[in-house]
């Protein structure tokens, strides 16, 4: 497979109306070696990456673990006492990171969540939906608001500023979370395709078109970036430049599957580490959110975002791949089938 075939496949997605615009990027040897934009966007255009944001937030948590400021085995309430209501005092940091915490649908408005006082007040009101640690159910937004609060408690900084200072700046990346309203001119609006009622219940597909929500920096899904930026981030996870992360903590995050409960969406083991999804060697990797290609090695790690944003890195080849788009197809299974061909080509790049 070649980069030319990858570019042709992405252009086809635009030509047949799957998405008005998209970008892809391939990284290797610490650099972006292929970067293309298609449709109604430019190379400078930034896209909402939805849940592909989650590993970026997790990467800040890895720093805190490596510095001894955070122990994932401890209850969250050890660090955030306000969470210890309605039985949540037993929920551990690890469970929050693995989506086994028991409050997947806990409500928190995006703009409210950006305010620490309101955020913590909402924590006190959340109730458990099931016993923590007994199952996997994707916590689309709730878990990462807790991680944002942990970042603030451990660093003394606004979580958005902490991620910029501790992750983005050392890696030479722009600010990725919490984009000021006056700096959003190059952000591409999402365009709904299909029945909005079919969209995930935890996500209003229009939310990330709102400047106030982009500025809020929703930690579970509000990242704003180019595909090139995402591919560079995953190159950093492969290479750990300047030892930004503790080597043992990073290795654990990239290789140690801590949760194998079945994902109720796809009925396959979720293969969750502390912040990433691992392809695995069970032959089911293409069923894990449709982001892994057939040729990806078992050690490939990454995370998808709603509406088929894709980001992964394959340690066997040293390749990282990112694909972002603004066509918000509410039939996500059909959309994933559209994008899987692209992932197959990227996984087979040599």
Protein backbone atom coordinates (compact mmCIF):
# COMPACT_ATOMS: atom_id res chain seq x y z
CA UNK A 1 0.00 0.00 0.00
CA UNK A 2 1.16 3.53 -0.72
CA UNK A 3 0.49 7.08 0.42
CA UNK A 4 -0.95 7.77 -3.04
CA UNK A 5 -3.61 5.10 -2.48
CA UNK A 6 -4.40 6.59 0.92
CA UNK A 7 -4.85 10.06 -0.55
CA UNK A 8 -7.06 8.71 -3.33
CA UNK A 9 -9.28 6.89 -0.84
CA UNK A 10 -9.75 10.03 1.26
CA UNK A 11 -10.59 12.11 -1.81
CA UNK A 12 -13.23 9.53 -2.71
CA UNK A 13 -14.93 10.06 0.67
CA UNK A 14 -15.41 13.73 -0.19
CA UNK A 15 -16.34 13.09 -3.81
CA UNK A 16 -19.18 10.74 -2.87
CA UNK A 17 -20.52 13.00 -0.11
CA UNK A 18 -19.49 11.06 2.98
CA UNK A 19 -18.03 14.26 4.44
CA UNK A 20 -17.69 17.85 3.21
CA UNK A 21 -14.07 18.01 4.39
CA UNK A 22 -11.40 15.82 5.93
CA UNK A 23 -7.70 15.62 6.68
CA UNK A 24 -5.26 12.77 7.08
CA UNK A 25 -1.71 12.60 8.32
CA UNK A 26 0.91 9.87 8.58
CA UNK A 27 3.82 10.10 10.99
CA UNK A 28 7.09 8.18 11.01
CA UNK A 29 10.50 8.68 12.69
CA UNK A 30 9.13 11.55 14.74
CA UNK A 31 7.95 13.52 11.70
CA UNK A 32 4.76 13.94 9.67
CA UNK A 33 5.59 12.38 6.30
CA UNK A 34 2.19 12.74 4.64
CA UNK A 35 -0.40 15.44 5.30
CA UNK A 36 -3.36 16.17 3.02
CA UNK A 37 -6.62 18.10 3.26
CA UNK A 38 -9.69 17.41 1.11
CA UNK A 39 -12.91 19.27 0.39
CA UNK A 40 -14.00 22.51 2.02
CA UNK A 41 -10.95 23.04 4.24
CA UNK A 42 -7.26 23.95 4.08
CA UNK A 43 -4.14 22.51 5.71
CA UNK A 44 -4.53 25.18 8.40
CA UNK A 45 -8.10 24.16 9.21
CA UNK A 46 -8.69 22.56 12.59
CA UNK A 47 -11.36 19.98 13.33
CA UNK A 48 -13.17 18.79 16.44
CA UNK A 49 -11.78 15.32 17.20
CA UNK A 50 -14.42 14.29 19.75
CA UNK A 51 -13.29 11.33 21.91
CA UNK A 52 -9.92 11.10 20.20
CA UNK A 53 -9.23 13.86 22.76
CA UNK A 54 -9.24 11.35 25.61
CA UNK A 55 -5.64 10.05 25.31
CA UNK A 56 -4.34 13.63 25.37
CA UNK A 57 -6.03 14.16 28.73
CA UNK A 58 -4.86 10.74 29.90
CA UNK A 59 -1.31 11.66 28.94
CA UNK A 60 -1.41 14.47 31.51
CA UNK A 61 -2.59 11.95 34.11
CA UNK A 62 0.41 9.74 33.21
CA UNK A 63 2.70 12.63 34.11
CA UNK A 64 1.08 12.90 37.54
CA UNK A 65 1.39 9.15 38.09
CA UNK A 66 5.07 9.26 37.20
CA UNK A 67 5.64 12.17 39.57
CA UNK A 68 4.02 10.30 42.44
CA UNK A 69 1.19 12.81 42.70
CA UNK A 70 -1.52 10.34 41.73
CA UNK A 71 -2.06 6.69 42.61
CA UNK A 72 -4.62 5.02 40.34
CA UNK A 73 -5.43 2.40 42.98
CA UNK A 74 -6.70 5.06 45.40
CA UNK A 75 -10.31 6.19 45.50
CA UNK A 76 -10.91 9.39 43.60
CA UNK A 77 -12.40 10.77 46.81
CA UNK A 78 -8.90 10.71 48.34
CA UNK A 79 -8.10 13.59 45.98
CA UNK A 80 -11.61 15.00 45.44
CA UNK A 81 -13.54 14.49 48.71
CA UNK A 82 -16.63 16.07 47.18
CA UNK A 83 -17.09 13.01 44.96
CA UNK A 84 -17.77 10.79 47.99
CA UNK A 85 -21.56 10.92 47.78
CA UNK A 86 -24.19 8.31 46.86
CA UNK A 87 -21.69 5.45 47.15
CA UNK A 88 -19.06 7.01 44.87
CA UNK A 89 -16.46 7.02 47.67
CA UNK A 90 -15.30 3.57 46.48
CA UNK A 91 -14.64 4.60 42.87
CA UNK A 92 -10.92 4.46 42.08
CA UNK A 93 -8.90 6.57 39.67
CA UNK A 94 -8.21 3.41 37.65
CA UNK A 95 -11.93 2.70 37.29
CA UNK A 96 -12.51 6.22 36.03
CA UNK A 97 -9.78 5.77 33.42
CA UNK A 98 -11.13 2.36 32.37
CA UNK A 99 -14.79 3.40 32.04
CA UNK A 100 -15.81 1.02 34.82
CA UNK A 101 -16.64 3.74 37.38
CA UNK A 102 -20.40 3.23 37.28
CA UNK A 103 -21.59 6.71 36.24
CA UNK A 104 -21.40 6.69 32.41
CA UNK A 105 -24.36 9.02 31.92
CA UNK A 106 -23.75 11.46 34.78
CA UNK A 107 -24.81 14.87 33.49
CA UNK A 108 -22.59 17.92 33.22
CA UNK A 109 -23.14 20.73 30.74
CA UNK A 110 -19.98 21.55 28.79
CA UNK A 111 -19.82 25.22 29.76
CA UNK A 112 -20.73 24.46 33.37
CA UNK A 113 -17.97 21.86 33.49
CA UNK A 114 -15.37 24.47 32.65
CA UNK A 115 -16.22 26.25 35.90
CA UNK A 116 -14.54 24.38 38.78
CA UNK A 117 -17.12 25.39 41.39
CA UNK A 118 -20.07 24.21 39.33
CA UNK A 119 -18.19 21.12 38.21
CA UNK A 120 -17.55 19.96 41.76
CA UNK A 121 -21.13 20.74 42.75
CA UNK A 122 -22.33 18.43 39.98
CA UNK A 123 -19.98 15.70 41.23
CA UNK A 124 -21.78 15.74 44.57
CA UNK A 125 -25.11 15.19 42.79
CA UNK A 126 -24.09 12.26 40.58
CA UNK A 127 -25.48 8.84 41.48
CA UNK A 128 -24.09 5.44 40.58
CA UNK A 129 -25.87 3.53 37.82
CA UNK A 130 -24.21 0.21 38.69
CA UNK A 131 -21.53 -1.15 41.02
CA UNK A 132 -18.10 0.28 40.16
CA UNK A 133 -15.65 -2.17 38.65
CA UNK A 134 -18.24 -4.75 37.61
CA UNK A 135 -18.65 -3.88 33.93
CA UNK A 136 -17.50 -1.64 31.10
CA UNK A 137 -19.74 1.07 29.76
CA UNK A 138 -18.30 3.97 27.85
CA UNK A 139 -18.24 7.14 29.96
CA UNK A 140 -18.49 9.57 27.06
CA UNK A 141 -17.97 12.74 29.07
CA UNK A 142 -18.37 12.17 32.81
CA UNK A 143 -15.13 10.30 33.58
CA UNK A 144 -12.93 12.89 31.92
CA UNK A 145 -14.49 15.75 33.85
CA UNK A 146 -13.25 13.87 36.92
CA UNK A 147 -9.79 13.55 35.33
CA UNK A 148 -9.82 17.28 34.61
CA UNK A 149 -10.51 17.98 38.28
CA UNK A 150 -7.70 15.61 39.29
CA UNK A 151 -5.31 17.50 37.02
CA UNK A 152 -6.33 20.77 38.65
CA UNK A 153 -6.01 19.42 42.20
CA UNK A 154 -2.55 17.97 41.51
CA UNK A 155 -1.08 20.87 39.51
CA UNK A 156 -2.87 23.92 40.84
CA UNK A 157 -3.55 24.94 37.23
CA UNK A 158 -6.68 25.12 35.13
CA UNK A 159 -6.77 21.71 33.42
CA UNK A 160 -6.66 23.27 29.95
CA UNK A 161 -3.63 25.36 30.84
CA UNK A 162 -1.96 22.39 32.54
CA UNK A 163 -2.32 20.26 29.40
CA UNK A 164 -0.93 23.07 27.27
CA UNK A 165 2.04 23.66 29.60
CA UNK A 166 2.84 20.05 30.46
CA UNK A 167 1.98 18.24 27.20
CA UNK A 168 1.58 20.59 24.24
CA UNK A 169 4.48 22.97 24.79
CA UNK A 170 7.13 20.28 25.47
CA UNK A 171 6.00 18.43 22.34
CA UNK A 172 5.90 21.57 20.19
CA UNK A 173 2.15 21.28 19.71
CA UNK A 174 -0.40 24.12 19.73
CA UNK A 175 -3.05 24.43 22.40
CA UNK A 176 -5.49 21.55 21.87
CA UNK A 177 -8.15 21.99 24.53
CA UNK A 178 -10.01 25.14 25.47
CA UNK A 179 -9.59 27.32 22.38
CA UNK A 180 -10.43 30.99 23.13
CA UNK A 181 -13.39 32.23 21.12
CA UNK A 182 -11.27 34.86 19.37
CA UNK A 183 -8.93 32.13 18.08
CA UNK A 184 -11.52 29.87 16.46
CA UNK A 185 -11.71 31.32 12.95
CA UNK A 186 -9.91 28.33 11.42
CA UNK A 187 -12.10 25.70 13.14
CA UNK A 188 -14.35 23.83 10.71
CA UNK A 189 -17.99 23.42 11.72
CA UNK A 190 -19.44 19.94 11.85
CA UNK A 191 -22.20 19.18 9.34
CA UNK A 192 -24.93 16.74 10.37
CA UNK A 193 -25.69 13.91 7.95
CA UNK A 194 -28.52 11.57 8.84
CA UNK A 195 -31.09 11.60 11.64
CA UNK A 196 -29.85 13.65 14.63
CA UNK A 197 -31.98 11.43 16.87
CA UNK A 198 -29.67 8.53 15.98
CA UNK A 199 -26.60 10.29 17.41
CA UNK A 200 -25.05 9.10 20.70
CA UNK A 201 -27.19 10.11 23.65
CA UNK A 202 -24.22 11.64 25.48
CA UNK A 203 -23.42 14.01 22.64
CA UNK A 204 -25.32 16.78 20.91
CA UNK A 205 -23.75 16.69 17.45
CA UNK A 206 -24.03 20.48 17.22
CA UNK A 207 -22.29 21.25 20.51
CA UNK A 208 -18.78 21.59 19.13
CA UNK A 209 -19.97 24.18 16.62
CA UNK A 210 -20.65 26.50 19.55
CA UNK A 211 -17.74 28.86 20.35
CA UNK A 212 -18.46 28.67 24.09
CA UNK A 213 -18.17 24.87 24.04
CA UNK A 214 -14.93 24.98 22.08
CA UNK A 215 -13.58 27.42 24.66
CA UNK A 216 -14.77 25.20 27.52
CA UNK A 217 -12.43 22.41 26.40
CA UNK A 218 -14.59 19.37 27.16
CA UNK A 219 -11.92 16.88 28.34
CA UNK A 220 -13.79 13.83 27.07
CA UNK A 221 -14.30 15.12 23.55
CA UNK A 222 -13.56 18.80 22.96
CA UNK A 223 -10.08 18.70 21.42
CA UNK A 224 -9.55 20.95 18.40
CA UNK A 225 -6.64 20.21 16.06
CA UNK A 226 -5.38 19.21 12.65
CA UNK A 227 -4.69 15.63 11.63
CA UNK A 228 -0.99 16.54 11.48
CA UNK A 229 -1.03 17.60 15.12
CA UNK A 230 -2.66 14.33 16.15
CA UNK A 231 -0.16 12.27 14.16
CA UNK A 232 2.68 14.14 15.88
CA UNK A 233 1.17 13.46 19.30
CA UNK A 234 1.13 9.74 18.55
CA UNK A 235 4.71 9.88 17.31
CA UNK A 236 5.54 11.32 20.72
CA UNK A 237 3.83 8.38 22.41
CA UNK A 238 5.98 6.03 20.33
CA UNK A 239 9.25 7.85 21.01
CA UNK A 240 8.83 9.70 24.35
CA UNK A 241 11.01 12.67 23.34
CA UNK A 242 13.19 14.07 26.14
CA UNK A 243 11.62 11.53 28.48
CA UNK A 244 8.54 13.67 29.02
CA UNK A 245 6.72 10.70 30.54
CA UNK A 246 8.13 8.26 33.05
CA UNK A 247 9.18 5.33 30.85
CA UNK A 248 7.49 2.66 32.96
CA UNK A 249 4.23 4.61 33.20
CA UNK A 250 4.16 5.22 29.45
CA UNK A 251 4.95 1.57 28.69
CA UNK A 252 2.11 0.50 30.96
CA UNK A 253 -0.31 2.86 29.19
CA UNK A 254 0.69 1.51 25.78
CA UNK A 255 0.75 -2.20 26.55
CA UNK A 256 -1.06 -3.18 29.75
CA UNK A 257 -4.68 -4.07 29.06
CA UNK A 258 -6.41 -3.56 32.41
CA UNK A 259 -10.01 -4.00 31.24
CA UNK A 260 -11.31 -6.77 28.98
CA UNK A 261 -15.01 -6.54 29.78
CA UNK A 262 -17.10 -6.72 26.64
CA UNK A 263 -17.95 -3.41 25.04
CA UNK A 264 -21.77 -3.48 24.75
CA UNK A 265 -21.61 -1.45 21.54
CA UNK A 266 -19.54 -3.96 19.55
CA UNK A 267 -19.74 -7.09 21.75
CA UNK A 268 -15.98 -7.59 21.81
CA UNK A 269 -13.53 -7.16 24.71
CA UNK A 270 -12.84 -3.45 25.10
CA UNK A 271 -9.04 -3.91 25.54
CA UNK A 272 -8.58 -0.76 27.62
CA UNK A 273 -5.34 0.47 29.11
CA UNK A 274 -5.06 3.60 31.22
CA UNK A 275 -6.27 5.89 28.47
CA UNK A 276 -5.85 3.91 25.25
CA UNK A 277 -7.40 1.04 23.31
CA UNK A 278 -5.06 -1.79 22.31
CA UNK A 279 -5.64 -3.65 19.05
CA UNK A 280 -4.80 -7.04 20.62
CA UNK A 281 -4.11 -10.44 19.13
CA UNK A 282 -7.59 -11.98 19.23
CA UNK A 283 -8.41 -11.13 15.62
CA UNK A 284 -11.16 -8.74 16.68
CA UNK A 285 -9.19 -5.52 16.42
CA UNK A 286 -11.20 -4.14 13.49
CA UNK A 287 -14.31 -4.36 15.67
CA UNK A 288 -12.77 -1.95 18.19
CA UNK A 289 -14.39 1.29 17.04
CA UNK A 290 -13.41 0.70 13.40
CA UNK A 291 -10.11 2.50 13.75
CA UNK A 292 -7.58 -0.32 13.34
CA UNK A 293 -6.66 -1.66 9.92
CA UNK A 294 -6.35 -5.32 9.02
CA UNK A 295 -2.54 -5.09 8.93
CA UNK A 296 -2.12 -3.32 12.27
CA UNK A 297 0.06 -5.26 14.71
CA UNK A 298 -1.44 -6.49 18.01
CA UNK A 299 0.51 -3.76 19.81
CA UNK A 300 -1.15 -0.91 17.94
CA UNK A 301 -2.70 1.57 20.35
CA UNK A 302 -5.06 4.47 19.78
CA UNK A 303 -8.48 5.95 20.30
CA UNK A 304 -11.35 6.82 18.00
CA UNK A 305 -13.66 9.80 18.19
CA UNK A 306 -17.35 10.12 17.42
CA UNK A 307 -18.19 10.33 13.73
CA UNK A 308 -15.08 8.30 12.85
CA UNK A 309 -12.18 10.45 13.89
CA UNK A 310 -9.22 8.05 13.95
CA UNK A 311 -5.85 8.13 15.70
CA UNK A 312 -3.37 5.32 16.36
CA UNK A 313 0.29 4.35 16.38
CA UNK A 314 1.78 0.98 15.50
CA UNK A 315 5.03 0.16 17.35
CA UNK A 316 5.81 -2.61 14.85
CA UNK A 317 6.12 -0.16 11.94
CA UNK A 318 6.69 3.14 13.73
CA UNK A 319 3.75 4.61 11.83
CA UNK A 320 1.16 6.90 13.37
CA UNK A 321 -2.05 7.74 11.56
CA UNK A 322 -4.70 10.38 12.09
CA UNK A 323 -7.88 11.07 10.16
CA UNK A 324 -10.39 13.79 11.01
CA UNK A 325 -13.55 14.96 9.26
CA UNK A 326 -16.52 17.27 9.72
CA UNK A 327 -19.22 15.06 8.22
CA UNK A 328 -21.22 14.00 11.26
CA UNK A 329 -22.88 10.81 10.06
CA UNK A 330 -25.28 9.76 12.79
CA UNK A 331 -25.31 6.13 11.60
CA UNK A 332 -21.91 5.43 13.07
CA UNK A 333 -21.75 1.78 12.06
CA UNK A 334 -22.26 2.65 8.40
CA UNK A 335 -19.80 5.51 8.77
CA UNK A 336 -17.17 3.23 10.30
CA UNK A 337 -17.49 0.89 7.32
CA UNK A 338 -16.79 3.87 5.06
CA UNK A 339 -13.65 4.79 6.97
CA UNK A 340 -12.33 1.27 7.56
CA UNK A 341 -10.95 1.08 4.04
CA UNK A 342 -8.82 4.11 4.77
CA UNK A 343 -7.54 2.53 7.99
CA UNK A 344 -6.68 -0.67 6.12
CA UNK A 345 -4.49 1.25 3.68
CA UNK A 346 -2.79 3.24 6.46
CA UNK A 347 -2.05 0.10 8.47
CA UNK A 348 -0.34 -1.50 5.47
CA UNK A 349 1.91 1.47 4.65
CA UNK A 350 5.58 0.52 4.30
